Amino acid sequence: MPTAIAVTSADMVLPPHDQQTPPAVTLRAPDEQPLEQALTDLQLLLEQHGYVIIVYSSATPVATEQRLHAMRSILESDRIALFKSDLPPLGLAVLIRQLRQLSGTDLSAGVVASAGRLLTHYIHAGAVLGSVTKLDRVPVSLKSHAKSWVPGSQFGVVAHPAPQLVKIGPEASLTGPEFGTWLLVAKGQLQTDWVNSTLAEAWQVQGLREAQLPAESARWWGTGKLVEFATFLPDLPVLYQLVTSVRQDRCRWCGLELIGDRCVFCSLTPPAGDGRDSAAVS
């Protein structure tokens, strides 16, 4: 069985690219399921798959994050990895699908888990917003705040990999990826075709797909008047090559293979090596 990829919300599970992409498991929220039943379900998942990688957002409610850590502690299992990401919701959904793709290959659980940090570097995630007055995850100038009060104003924002914010207009542009990607778009309560037309053309995307807007998006961006977008590499052979091109180490504590400078399963940093490729996932 492939390594299980688990999420904290069903709307973070994007449709697969092909029939070979394994599904994700959705963990229920604390107010929806008693802790005892949640532990039983997670233990069963471990027995079925061997390893579980739980991917969740830095914006996940505190109660949910506390339960994740509590379950891992109670089960005393180093076969449960907690991967916390600062990506916006749609970008995180993209990353989760990529990890699902990789989990169906011959890569070990440790490599798949640590691949999340590597693949995050290749995702450009942002949104077009009708207001930036409540946006606190990207620096917003006083001038932009003032413009936000002008009726009809729209702002193009990139939160990852580097913060960008522009007022949408004839000369507005956002710096995008320097390699070929596809673009995923999720529409909220904002009427605009700027992403599908202007941004997609400027970024020279190779394809465009639409998805449902994650429930967390409005809270993450500070407004429901938005169109969220994220670039992604769709092809499994490309993702696999990216991951396997990085030097692998073995965790001194749990013995799992990994890439980068930290084991996601036990959070132990491997011994310093020759430094080859490790910076790519730090």
Foldseek 3Di string as FASTA:
>chain_A
DFAAEEEADPQLADDAPDPLQDGHHHQYACVVDPLVVSLVVVVVSCVVHVAYEYEYEPPPDPRRVVSVVVSCVVVVDLRYFYHYDPAFSNQSSQLSSLLSLVRSDPDDPQASNLLSLLQQQVKWKWKKALAQCQADQADDDPVRNVVSPPPPWIWTWINPPHTDIDIDDPPDDDDDDPDEWEKEKEAFQADDCCCVPVHCVVRVHPYYYYGHDDPCNCVNRVHRHMMIMMIHDRDSVVSVCSSVVADWDADPPPRHIYAAQAGRSVGDGDDDDPPGRNVSRD
